[in-house]
Amino acid sequence: LAKFGFSLTEFFAAVAKVTGKYCEVGTLKDGACPGGAA
């Protein structure tokens, strides 16, 4: 929390900038989904 000035607002704003990806069908491999799906 000290890294974010003890502000939960700043902390969760930084968390919201971290993203991840997944495939609706199948497993994500090398950033792509099976069958060319986004």
All heavy atoms as atom14 arrays in JSON, in Angstrom:
{
  "sequence": "LAKFGFSLTEFFAAVAKVTGKYCEVGTLKDGACPGGAA",
  "atom14_mask": [
    [1, 1, 1, 1, 1, 1, 1, 1, 0, 0, 0, 0, 0, 0],
    [1, 1, 1, 1, 1, 0, 0, 0, 0, 0, 0, 0, 0, 0],
    [1, 1, 1, 1, 1, 1, 1, 1, 1, 0, 0, 0, 0, 0],
    [1, 1, 1, 1, 1, 1, 1, 1, 1, 1, 1, 0, 0, 0],
    [1, 1, 1, 1, 0, 0, 0, 0, 0, 0, 0, 0, 0, 0],
    [1, 1, 1, 1, 1, 1, 1, 1, 1, 1, 1, 0, 0, 0],
    [1, 1, 1, 1, 1, 1, 0, 0, 0, 0, 0, 0, 0, 0],
    [1, 1, 1, 1, 1, 1, 1, 1, 0, 0, 0, 0, 0, 0],
    [1, 1, 1, 1, 1, 1, 1, 0, 0, 0, 0, 0, 0, 0],
    [1, 1, 1, 1, 1, 1, 1, 1, 1, 0, 0, 0, 0, 0],
    [1, 1, 1, 1, 1, 1, 1, 1, 1, 1, 1, 0, 0, 0],
    [1, 1, 1, 1, 1, 1, 1, 1, 1, 1, 1, 0, 0, 0],
    [1, 1, 1, 1, 1, 0, 0, 0, 0, 0, 0, 0, 0, 0],
    [1, 1, 1, 1, 1, 0, 0, 0, 0, 0, 0, 0, 0, 0],
    [1, 1, 1, 1, 1, 1, 1, 0, 0, 0, 0, 0, 0, 0],
    [1, 1, 1, 1, 1, 0, 0, 0, 0, 0, 0, 0, 0, 0],
    [1, 1, 1, 1, 1, 1, 1, 1, 1, 0, 0, 0, 0, 0],
    [1, 1, 1, 1, 1, 1, 1, 0, 0, 0, 0, 0, 0, 0],
    [1, 1, 1, 1, 1, 1, 1, 0, 0, 0, 0, 0, 0, 0],
    [1, 1, 1, 1, 0, 0, 0, 0, 0, 0, 0, 0, 0, 0],
    [1, 1, 1, 1, 1, 1, 1, 1, 1, 0, 0, 0, 0, 0],
    [1, 1, 1, 1, 1, 1, 1, 1, 1, 1, 1, 1, 0, 0],
    [1, 1, 1, 1, 1, 1, 0, 0, 0, 0, 0, 0, 0, 0],
    [1, 1, 1, 1, 1, 1, 1, 1, 1, 0, 0, 0, 0, 0],
    [1, 1, 1, 1, 1, 1, 1, 0, 0, 0, 0, 0, 0, 0],
    [1, 1, 1, 1, 0, 0, 0, 0, 0, 0, 0, 0, 0, 0],
    [1, 1, 1, 1, 1, 1, 1, 0, 0, 0, 0, 0, 0, 0],
    [1, 1, 1, 1, 1, 1, 1, 1, 0, 0, 0, 0, 0, 0],
    [1, 1, 1, 1, 1, 1, 1, 1, 1, 0, 0, 0, 0, 0],
    [1, 1, 1, 1, 1, 1, 1, 1, 0, 0, 0, 0, 0, 0],
    [1, 1, 1, 1, 0, 0, 0, 0, 0, 0, 0, 0, 0, 0],
    [1, 1, 1, 1, 1, 0, 0, 0, 0, 0, 0, 0, 0, 0],
    [1, 1, 1, 1, 1, 1, 0, 0, 0, 0, 0, 0, 0, 0],
    [1, 1, 1, 1, 1, 1, 1, 0, 0, 0, 0, 0, 0, 0],
    [1, 1, 1, 1, 0, 0, 0, 0, 0, 0, 0, 0, 0, 0],
    [1, 1, 1, 1, 0, 0, 0, 0, 0, 0, 0, 0, 0, 0],
    [1, 1, 1, 1, 1, 0, 0, 0, 0, 0, 0, 0, 0, 0],
    [1, 1, 1, 1, 1, 0, 0, 0, 0, 0, 0, 0, 0, 0]
  ],
  "atom14_positions": [
    [[0.83, -1.21, 0.0], [0.0, 0.0, 0.0], [0.86, 1.26, 0.0], [0.45, 2.3, -0.54], [-0.94, -0.01, 1.21], [-2.1, -1.01, 1.12], [-2.88, -1.04, 2.42], [-3.03, -0.66, -0.05], [0.0, 0.0, 0.0], [0.0, 0.0, 0.0], [0.0, 0.0, 0.0], [0.0, 0.0, 0.0], [0.0, 0.0, 0.0], [0.0, 0.0, 0.0]],
    [[2.05, 1.18, 0.63], [2.95, 2.35, 0.64], [3.35, 2.75, -0.78], [3.57, 3.94, -1.06], [4.19, 2.04, 1.48], [0.0, 0.0, 0.0], [0.0, 0.0, 0.0], [0.0, 0.0, 0.0], [0.0, 0.0, 0.0], [0.0, 0.0, 0.0], [0.0, 0.0, 0.0], [0.0, 0.0, 0.0], [0.0, 0.0, 0.0], [0.0, 0.0, 0.0]],
    [[3.44, 1.77, -1.68], [3.79, 2.06, -3.08], [2.69, 2.85, -3.78], [2.94, 3.46, -4.83], [4.03, 0.75, -3.83], [5.3, 0.01, -3.43], [6.53, 0.73, -3.98], [7.8, -0.03, -3.68], [9.01, 0.66, -4.2], [0.0, 0.0, 0.0], [0.0, 0.0, 0.0], [0.0, 0.0, 0.0], [0.0, 0.0, 0.0], [0.0, 0.0, 0.0]],
    [[1.49, 2.84, -3.21], [0.36, 3.56, -3.82], [-0.13, 4.68, -2.9], [-1.3, 5.08, -2.94], [-0.77, 2.58, -4.12], [-0.37, 1.49, -5.08], [0.09, 0.26, -4.61], [-0.41, 1.7, -6.45], [0.48, -0.74, -5.48], [-0.02, 0.7, -7.33], [0.43, -0.51, -6.85], [0.0, 0.0, 0.0], [0.0, 0.0, 0.0], [0.0, 0.0, 0.0]],
    [[0.78, 5.17, -2.04], [0.44, 6.27, -1.15], [-0.66, 5.94, -0.16], [-1.41, 6.83, 0.27], [0.0, 0.0, 0.0], [0.0, 0.0, 0.0], [0.0, 0.0, 0.0], [0.0, 0.0, 0.0], [0.0, 0.0, 0.0], [0.0, 0.0, 0.0], [0.0, 0.0, 0.0], [0.0, 0.0, 0.0], [0.0, 0.0, 0.0], [0.0, 0.0, 0.0]],
    [[-0.79, 4.66, 0.19], [-1.83, 4.17, 1.11], [-3.23, 4.53, 0.62], [-4.16, 4.71, 1.41], [-1.6, 4.68, 2.54], [-0.36, 4.11, 3.17], [0.82, 4.84, 3.19], [-0.35, 2.84, 3.7], [1.98, 4.32, 3.75], [0.8, 2.31, 4.26], [1.97, 3.05, 4.28], [0.0, 0.0, 0.0], [0.0, 0.0, 0.0], [0.0, 0.0, 0.0]],
    [[-3.38, 4.63, -0.69], [-4.69, 4.94, -1.29], [-5.24, 3.69, -1.96], [-4.65, 3.18, -2.92], [-4.55, 6.06, -2.32], [-5.74, 6.17, -3.1], [0.0, 0.0, 0.0], [0.0, 0.0, 0.0], [0.0, 0.0, 0.0], [0.0, 0.0, 0.0], [0.0, 0.0, 0.0], [0.0, 0.0, 0.0], [0.0, 0.0, 0.0], [0.0, 0.0, 0.0]],
    [[-6.37, 3.19, -1.44], [-7.0, 2.02, -2.06], [-7.49, 2.34, -3.47], [-7.49, 1.48, -4.35], [-8.16, 1.53, -1.2], [-7.79, 0.86, 0.13], [-9.05, 0.53, 0.93], [-6.97, -0.39, -0.09], [0.0, 0.0, 0.0], [0.0, 0.0, 0.0], [0.0, 0.0, 0.0], [0.0, 0.0, 0.0], [0.0, 0.0, 0.0], [0.0, 0.0, 0.0]],
    [[-7.89, 3.62, -3.68], [-8.35, 4.03, -5.02], [-7.23, 3.88, -6.04], [-7.41, 3.3, -7.12], [-8.83, 5.49, -4.98], [-9.83, 5.63, -3.99], [-9.39, 5.91, -6.34], [0.0, 0.0, 0.0], [0.0, 0.0, 0.0], [0.0, 0.0, 0.0], [0.0, 0.0, 0.0], [0.0, 0.0, 0.0], [0.0, 0.0, 0.0], [0.0, 0.0, 0.0]],
    [[-6.03, 4.37, -5.68], [-4.88, 4.25, -6.58], [-4.47, 2.79, -6.76], [-4.1, 2.37, -7.86], [-3.69, 5.06, -6.04], [-3.85, 6.56, -6.2], [-2.56, 7.3, -5.85], [-1.47, 6.69, -5.97], [-2.64, 8.47, -5.45], [0.0, 0.0, 0.0], [0.0, 0.0, 0.0], [0.0, 0.0, 0.0], [0.0, 0.0, 0.0], [0.0, 0.0, 0.0]],
    [[-4.55, 2.03, -5.68], [-4.16, 0.63, -5.74], [-5.04, -0.14, -6.74], [-4.54, -0.82, -7.63], [-4.26, 0.01, -4.34], [-3.99, -1.48, -4.29], [-2.75, -1.99, -4.6], [-5.0, -2.36, -3.92], [-2.49, -3.35, -4.56], [-4.75, -3.73, -3.87], [-3.5, -4.22, -4.19], [0.0, 0.0, 0.0], [0.0, 0.0, 0.0], [0.0, 0.0, 0.0]],
    [[-6.36, 0.01, -6.6], [-7.26, -0.74, -7.48], [-7.29, -0.16, -8.89], [-7.61, -0.87, -9.85], [-8.66, -0.83, -6.87], [-8.76, -1.86, -5.79], [-8.8, -1.49, -4.45], [-8.75, -3.21, -6.1], [-8.86, -2.44, -3.45], [-8.82, -4.17, -5.1], [-8.87, -3.79, -3.77], [0.0, 0.0, 0.0], [0.0, 0.0, 0.0], [0.0, 0.0, 0.0]],
    [[-6.96, 1.13, -9.03], [-6.82, 1.69, -10.38], [-5.65, 1.03, -11.11], [-5.73, 0.74, -12.31], [-6.61, 3.2, -10.3], [0.0, 0.0, 0.0], [0.0, 0.0, 0.0], [0.0, 0.0, 0.0], [0.0, 0.0, 0.0], [0.0, 0.0, 0.0], [0.0, 0.0, 0.0], [0.0, 0.0, 0.0], [0.0, 0.0, 0.0], [0.0, 0.0, 0.0]],
    [[-4.56, 0.78, -10.36], [-3.41, 0.09, -10.95], [-3.75, -1.37, -11.28], [-3.33, -1.89, -12.32], [-2.22, 0.14, -9.99], [0.0, 0.0, 0.0], [0.0, 0.0, 0.0], [0.0, 0.0, 0.0], [0.0, 0.0, 0.0], [0.0, 0.0, 0.0], [0.0, 0.0, 0.0], [0.0, 0.0, 0.0], [0.0, 0.0, 0.0], [0.0, 0.0, 0.0]],
    [[-4.54, -1.99, -10.39], [-4.96, -3.38, -10.63], [-5.8, -3.46, -11.91], [-5.66, -4.4, -12.71], [-5.75, -3.93, -9.42], [-6.37, -5.28, -9.74], [-4.85, -4.03, -8.2], [0.0, 0.0, 0.0], [0.0, 0.0, 0.0], [0.0, 0.0, 0.0], [0.0, 0.0, 0.0], [0.0, 0.0, 0.0], [0.0, 0.0, 0.0], [0.0, 0.0, 0.0]],
    [[-6.67, -2.46, -12.11], [-7.56, -2.47, -13.28], [-6.79, -2.35, -14.6], [-7.31, -2.69, -15.66], [-8.58, -1.35, -13.17], [0.0, 0.0, 0.0], [0.0, 0.0, 0.0], [0.0, 0.0, 0.0], [0.0, 0.0, 0.0], [0.0, 0.0, 0.0], [0.0, 0.0, 0.0], [0.0, 0.0, 0.0], [0.0, 0.0, 0.0], [0.0, 0.0, 0.0]],
    [[-5.54, -1.84, -14.51], [-4.72, -1.71, -15.73], [-4.05, -3.02, -16.12], [-3.52, -3.15, -17.22], [-3.67, -0.62, -15.52], [-4.25, 0.77, -15.39], [-3.16, 1.8, -15.11], [-3.77, 3.19, -14.9], [-2.73, 4.19, -14.54], [0.0, 0.0, 0.0], [0.0, 0.0, 0.0], [0.0, 0.0, 0.0], [0.0, 0.0, 0.0], [0.0, 0.0, 0.0]],
    [[-4.03, -3.98, -15.18], [-3.45, -5.3, -15.48], [-4.53, -6.13, -16.17], [-5.66, -6.23, -15.69], [-2.99, -6.02, -14.19], [-2.35, -7.36, -14.53], [-2.03, -5.15, -13.41], [0.0, 0.0, 0.0], [0.0, 0.0, 0.0], [0.0, 0.0, 0.0], [0.0, 0.0, 0.0], [0.0, 0.0, 0.0], [0.0, 0.0, 0.0], [0.0, 0.0, 0.0]],
    [[-4.2, -6.69, -17.31], [-5.21, -7.43, -18.08], [-4.76, -8.87, -18.34], [-3.58, -9.2, -18.23], [-5.48, -6.75, -19.44], [-4.24, -6.69, -20.16], [-6.03, -5.36, -19.23], [0.0, 0.0, 0.0], [0.0, 0.0, 0.0], [0.0, 0.0, 0.0], [0.0, 0.0, 0.0], [0.0, 0.0, 0.0], [0.0, 0.0, 0.0], [0.0, 0.0, 0.0]],
    [[-5.72, -9.68, -18.65], [-5.46, -11.06, -19.04], [-6.39, -11.45, -20.18], [-7.33, -10.73, -20.49], [0.0, 0.0, 0.0], [0.0, 0.0, 0.0], [0.0, 0.0, 0.0], [0.0, 0.0, 0.0], [0.0, 0.0, 0.0], [0.0, 0.0, 0.0], [0.0, 0.0, 0.0], [0.0, 0.0, 0.0], [0.0, 0.0, 0.0], [0.0, 0.0, 0.0]],
    [[-6.1, -12.57, -20.8], [-6.92, -13.05, -21.91], [-7.3, -14.5, -21.72], [-6.58, -15.26, -21.05], [-6.16, -12.89, -23.24], [-5.84, -11.45, -23.61], [-5.06, -11.39, -24.91], [-4.74, -9.95, -25.31], [-3.96, -9.89, -26.56], [0.0, 0.0, 0.0], [0.0, 0.0, 0.0], [0.0, 0.0, 0.0], [0.0, 0.0, 0.0], [0.0, 0.0, 0.0]],
    [[-8.42, -14.87, -22.3], [-8.83, -16.27, -22.28], [-9.64, -16.58, -23.54], [-10.07, -15.67, -24.26], [-9.65, -16.59, -21.02], [-11.01, -15.92, -20.96], [-12.14, -16.51, -21.52], [-11.16, -14.69, -20.32], [-13.38, -15.9, -21.45], [-12.4, -14.06, -20.26], [-13.5, -14.67, -20.83], [-14.73, -14.07, -20.77], [0.0, 0.0, 0.0], [0.0, 0.0, 0.0]],
    [[-9.83, -17.86, -23.81], [-10.61, -18.3, -24.96], [-11.96, -18.83, -24.49], [-12.03, -19.55, -23.49], [-9.88, -19.4, -25.73], [-8.27, -18.9, -26.36], [0.0, 0.0, 0.0], [0.0, 0.0, 0.0], [0.0, 0.0, 0.0], [0.0, 0.0, 0.0], [0.0, 0.0, 0.0], [0.0, 0.0, 0.0], [0.0, 0.0, 0.0], [0.0, 0.0, 0.0]],
    [[-13.02, -18.46, -25.17], [-14.34, -18.98, -24.83], [-14.39, -20.49, -25.03], [-15.07, -21.21, -24.3], [-15.41, -18.31, -25.69], [-15.67, -16.86, -25.34], [-16.42, -16.69, -24.02], [-16.77, -17.71, -23.39], [-16.66, -15.54, -23.62], [0.0, 0.0, 0.0], [0.0, 0.0, 0.0], [0.0, 0.0, 0.0], [0.0, 0.0, 0.0], [0.0, 0.0, 0.0]],
    [[-13.67, -20.99, -26.03], [-13.59, -22.42, -26.3], [-12.12, -22.78, -26.46], [-11.41, -22.13, -27.23], [-14.37, -22.81, -27.58], [-14.25, -24.3, -27.84], [-15.84, -22.41, -27.46], [0.0, 0.0, 0.0], [0.0, 0.0, 0.0], [0.0, 0.0, 0.0], [0.0, 0.0, 0.0], [0.0, 0.0, 0.0], [0.0, 0.0, 0.0], [0.0, 0.0, 0.0]],
    [[-11.69, -23.8, -25.74], [-10.3, -24.23, -25.88], [-9.37, -23.44, -24.97], [-9.79, -22.65, -24.12], [0.0, 0.0, 0.0], [0.0, 0.0, 0.0], [0.0, 0.0, 0.0], [0.0, 0.0, 0.0], [0.0, 0.0, 0.0], [0.0, 0.0, 0.0], [0.0, 0.0, 0.0], [0.0, 0.0, 0.0], [0.0, 0.0, 0.0], [0.0, 0.0, 0.0]],
    [[-8.05, -23.65, -25.17], [-7.03, -23.05, -24.32], [-6.2, -22.06, -25.11], [-5.86, -22.3, -26.27], [-6.1, -24.15, -23.76], [-6.91, -25.14, -23.1], [-5.12, -23.58, -22.76], [0.0, 0.0, 0.0], [0.0, 0.0, 0.0], [0.0, 0.0, 0.0], [0.0, 0.0, 0.0], [0.0, 0.0, 0.0], [0.0, 0.0, 0.0], [0.0, 0.0, 0.0]],
    [[-5.88, -20.93, -24.45], [-5.05, -19.91, -25.07], [-3.62, -20.41, -25.21], [-3.0, -20.83, -24.22], [-5.08, -18.63, -24.22], [-4.44, -17.36, -24.8], [-5.3, -16.82, -25.94], [-4.29, -16.31, -23.7], [0.0, 0.0, 0.0], [0.0, 0.0, 0.0], [0.0, 0.0, 0.0], [0.0, 0.0, 0.0], [0.0, 0.0, 0.0], [0.0, 0.0, 0.0]],
    [[-3.07, -20.39, -26.43], [-1.68, -20.81, -26.67], [-0.99, -19.77, -27.55], [-1.48, -19.45, -28.64], [-1.64, -22.19, -27.35], [-2.08, -23.33, -26.44], [-1.98, -24.67, -27.15], [-2.44, -25.8, -26.22], [-2.39, -27.12, -26.88], [0.0, 0.0, 0.0], [0.0, 0.0, 0.0], [0.0, 0.0, 0.0], [0.0, 0.0, 0.0], [0.0, 0.0, 0.0]],
    [[0.14, -19.24, -27.02], [0.9, -18.23, -27.75], [0.03, -17.05, -28.16], [0.16, -16.49, -29.26], [1.56, -18.86, -29.0], [2.51, -20.0, -28.64], [3.2, -19.87, -27.61], [2.55, -20.98, -29.38], [0.0, 0.0, 0.0], [0.0, 0.0, 0.0], [0.0, 0.0, 0.0], [0.0, 0.0, 0.0], [0.0, 0.0, 0.0], [0.0, 0.0, 0.0]],
    [[-0.91, -16.67, -27.26], [-1.75, -15.5, -27.5], [-2.89, -15.7, -28.47], [-3.6, -14.74, -28.81], [0.0, 0.0, 0.0], [0.0, 0.0, 0.0], [0.0, 0.0, 0.0], [0.0, 0.0, 0.0], [0.0, 0.0, 0.0], [0.0, 0.0, 0.0], [0.0, 0.0, 0.0], [0.0, 0.0, 0.0], [0.0, 0.0, 0.0], [0.0, 0.0, 0.0]],
    [[-3.09, -16.95, -28.94], [-4.16, -17.2, -29.93], [-5.08, -18.31, -29.44], [-4.69, -19.17, -28.64], [-3.55, -17.59, -31.27], [0.0, 0.0, 0.0], [0.0, 0.0, 0.0], [0.0, 0.0, 0.0], [0.0, 0.0, 0.0], [0.0, 0.0, 0.0], [0.0, 0.0, 0.0], [0.0, 0.0, 0.0], [0.0, 0.0, 0.0], [0.0, 0.0, 0.0]],
    [[-6.32, -18.28, -29.9], [-7.31, -19.3, -29.55], [-7.43, -20.33, -30.68], [-7.12, -20.02, -31.84], [-8.68, -18.65, -29.3], [-8.72, -17.54, -27.88], [0.0, 0.0, 0.0], [0.0, 0.0, 0.0], [0.0, 0.0, 0.0], [0.0, 0.0, 0.0], [0.0, 0.0, 0.0], [0.0, 0.0, 0.0], [0.0, 0.0, 0.0], [0.0, 0.0, 0.0]],
    [[-7.92, -21.53, -30.37], [-8.1, -22.54, -31.41], [-9.06, -22.05, -32.5], [-10.04, -21.35, -32.22], [-8.71, -23.72, -30.64], [-8.29, -23.52, -29.23], [-8.24, -22.04, -29.03], [0.0, 0.0, 0.0], [0.0, 0.0, 0.0], [0.0, 0.0, 0.0], [0.0, 0.0, 0.0], [0.0, 0.0, 0.0], [0.0, 0.0, 0.0], [0.0, 0.0, 0.0]],
    [[-8.78, -22.43, -33.74], [-9.65, -22.07, -34.85], [-9.57, -20.61, -35.27], [-10.42, -20.12, -36.02], [0.0, 0.0, 0.0], [0.0, 0.0, 0.0], [0.0, 0.0, 0.0], [0.0, 0.0, 0.0], [0.0, 0.0, 0.0], [0.0, 0.0, 0.0], [0.0, 0.0, 0.0], [0.0, 0.0, 0.0], [0.0, 0.0, 0.0], [0.0, 0.0, 0.0]],
    [[-8.58, -19.88, -34.75], [-8.41, -18.48, -35.13], [-9.35, -17.52, -34.42], [-9.41, -16.34, -34.77], [0.0, 0.0, 0.0], [0.0, 0.0, 0.0], [0.0, 0.0, 0.0], [0.0, 0.0, 0.0], [0.0, 0.0, 0.0], [0.0, 0.0, 0.0], [0.0, 0.0, 0.0], [0.0, 0.0, 0.0], [0.0, 0.0, 0.0], [0.0, 0.0, 0.0]],
    [[-10.12, -18.0, -33.43], [-11.04, -17.12, -32.7], [-10.26, -16.09, -31.89], [-9.16, -16.36, -31.4], [-11.92, -17.95, -31.77], [0.0, 0.0, 0.0], [0.0, 0.0, 0.0], [0.0, 0.0, 0.0], [0.0, 0.0, 0.0], [0.0, 0.0, 0.0], [0.0, 0.0, 0.0], [0.0, 0.0, 0.0], [0.0, 0.0, 0.0], [0.0, 0.0, 0.0]],
    [[-10.83, -14.89, -31.75], [-10.15, -13.83, -31.0], [-10.27, -14.09, -29.5], [-11.35, -14.43, -29.0], [-10.78, -12.48, -31.35], [0.0, 0.0, 0.0], [0.0, 0.0, 0.0], [0.0, 0.0, 0.0], [0.0, 0.0, 0.0], [0.0, 0.0, 0.0], [0.0, 0.0, 0.0], [0.0, 0.0, 0.0], [0.0, 0.0, 0.0], [0.0, 0.0, 0.0]]
  ]
}
